[in-house]
Protein backbone atom coordinates (compact mmCIF):
# COMPACT_ATOMS: atom_id res chain seq x y z
CA MET A 1 106.51 174.16 24.43
CA GLU A 2 108.12 171.13 25.20
CA ARG A 3 112.43 170.85 24.63
CA LYS A 4 111.64 168.76 21.88
CA ASP A 5 110.02 171.38 19.91
CA ASN A 6 111.89 174.56 20.92
CA ILE A 7 113.88 175.70 18.01
CA ILE A 8 116.79 177.66 20.02
CA VAL A 9 117.04 175.28 22.36
CA LYS A 10 117.75 172.08 19.55
CA LEU A 11 119.97 174.85 17.86
CA THR A 12 122.12 176.00 20.40
CA LEU A 13 122.35 172.17 21.72
CA ALA A 14 124.06 171.09 18.31
CA PHE A 15 126.15 174.01 18.18
CA ALA A 16 128.10 173.19 21.58
CA LEU A 17 128.66 170.06 19.92
CA GLU A 18 130.08 170.99 16.90
CA ILE A 19 132.18 173.54 19.34
CA ILE A 20 133.39 170.54 21.60
CA LYS A 21 134.71 168.70 18.53
CA TYR A 22 136.56 171.97 17.03
CA SER A 23 138.04 172.74 20.47
CA GLU A 24 139.17 168.78 20.09
CA GLU A 25 140.09 169.79 17.44
CA LEU A 26 142.54 172.59 18.39
CA GLN A 27 143.59 170.78 21.39
CA GLU A 28 145.02 168.04 19.17
CA GLY A 29 146.67 171.17 17.68
CA LYS A 30 148.08 172.22 20.94
CA LYS A 31 146.27 175.38 20.84
CA PHE A 32 144.84 174.68 24.72
CA VAL A 33 144.10 178.18 25.96
CA ILE A 34 141.87 179.56 22.70
CA ALA A 35 140.27 176.11 22.88
CA ASN A 36 139.53 176.50 26.52
CA GLN A 37 138.27 179.93 25.51
CA LEU A 38 136.14 179.01 22.71
CA LEU A 39 134.46 175.77 24.87
CA LYS A 40 133.77 178.15 27.33
CA SER A 41 131.21 180.79 25.70
CA GLY A 42 130.71 178.55 22.83
CA THR A 43 128.87 175.63 25.61
CA SER A 44 127.74 178.91 27.50
CA ILE A 45 125.55 179.86 25.12
CA GLY A 46 123.05 176.71 25.22
CA ALA A 47 123.20 176.10 28.90
CA ASN A 48 122.06 180.11 29.61
CA ILE A 49 119.23 179.39 26.88
CA ARG A 50 118.40 176.04 28.78
CA GLU A 51 118.09 177.67 32.17
CA ALA A 52 115.62 180.43 30.59
CA GLN A 53 113.18 177.83 30.14
CA ASN A 54 112.36 177.46 33.48
CA THR A 55 112.32 181.10 34.89
CA GLU A 56 110.23 182.03 37.39
CA SER A 57 109.49 186.11 35.29
CA LYS A 58 109.80 187.35 31.88
CA GLN A 59 112.41 189.54 33.19
CA ASP A 60 114.30 186.77 34.59
CA PHE A 61 113.51 185.25 31.02
CA VAL A 62 115.24 188.03 29.18
CA HIS A 63 118.20 188.55 31.28
CA LYS A 64 119.15 184.98 30.52
CA PHE A 65 118.57 185.35 27.03
CA LYS A 66 120.93 189.11 27.31
CA ILE A 67 123.93 186.72 29.00
CA ALA A 68 123.71 184.30 26.01
CA ALA A 69 123.63 187.08 23.33
CA LYS A 70 126.85 187.95 25.69
CA GLU A 71 128.78 184.73 25.04
CA ILE A 72 127.42 184.82 21.28
CA GLU A 73 129.45 187.64 20.75
CA GLU A 74 132.46 186.51 22.82
CA THR A 75 132.59 182.74 21.33
CA PHE A 76 132.31 185.24 17.52
CA TYR A 77 135.22 186.92 18.84
CA TRP A 78 137.36 183.43 19.78
CA LEU A 79 136.12 182.13 16.39
CA GLU A 80 137.95 185.37 14.62
CA LEU A 81 140.63 185.00 16.50
CA CYS A 82 140.97 181.28 15.13
CA GLU A 83 140.33 182.58 11.12
CA LEU A 84 142.79 185.05 11.38
CA SER A 85 145.42 183.26 12.97
CA GLU A 86 147.76 180.75 10.62
CA ASN A 87 147.33 177.22 10.57
CA TYR A 88 143.71 176.86 12.86
CA PRO A 89 141.01 175.07 10.99
CA SER A 90 138.25 176.73 8.90
CA THR A 91 135.53 178.49 11.27
CA GLN A 92 133.39 179.18 8.29
CA GLU A 93 130.59 176.52 9.46
CA LEU A 94 129.96 177.35 12.89
CA LYS A 95 130.39 181.20 11.92
CA GLU A 96 127.14 180.39 9.75
CA GLN A 97 125.42 178.81 12.50
CA LEU A 98 126.37 181.31 15.46
CA GLU A 99 125.02 183.86 13.28
CA ASN A 100 121.73 182.18 13.05
CA ILE A 101 121.43 181.69 16.32
CA SER A 102 121.89 184.74 17.21
CA ARG A 103 119.07 186.41 15.10
CA ILE A 104 117.09 184.33 16.94
CA VAL A 105 118.45 185.27 20.38
CA ASN A 106 118.32 189.01 19.50
CA LYS A 107 114.59 188.26 18.05
CA ILE A 108 113.08 186.53 21.13
CA ILE A 109 115.05 189.17 23.25
CA ILE A 110 113.13 191.97 21.35
CA THR A 111 109.89 190.04 21.31
CA SER A 112 109.97 189.17 24.99
CA LYS A 113 110.40 192.61 25.98
CA THR A 114 107.14 194.24 24.26
């Protein structure tokens, strides 16, 4: 399947771009530590999924997606911290996008194991 037709590759790339914008907004507010953590985990999701597109085995493919699933959980954590902290921009839209990505990633992991 070509990348342009691969929905999870497209979704995670779009999400990474939104995470970059959100992190820049946090940096403008001098919230550097959270911005950095969120930038790392939020962009790592797509990087692992992109890497999985060229794996040599199904086992390696599943492994890369499991790493992406861990990065999703970490990103949820940082977004929750932002949501619960005072004076942070809204994370609602990012969390909705991430929830959708999470559902797809988990479905891919489950179906790839069978």
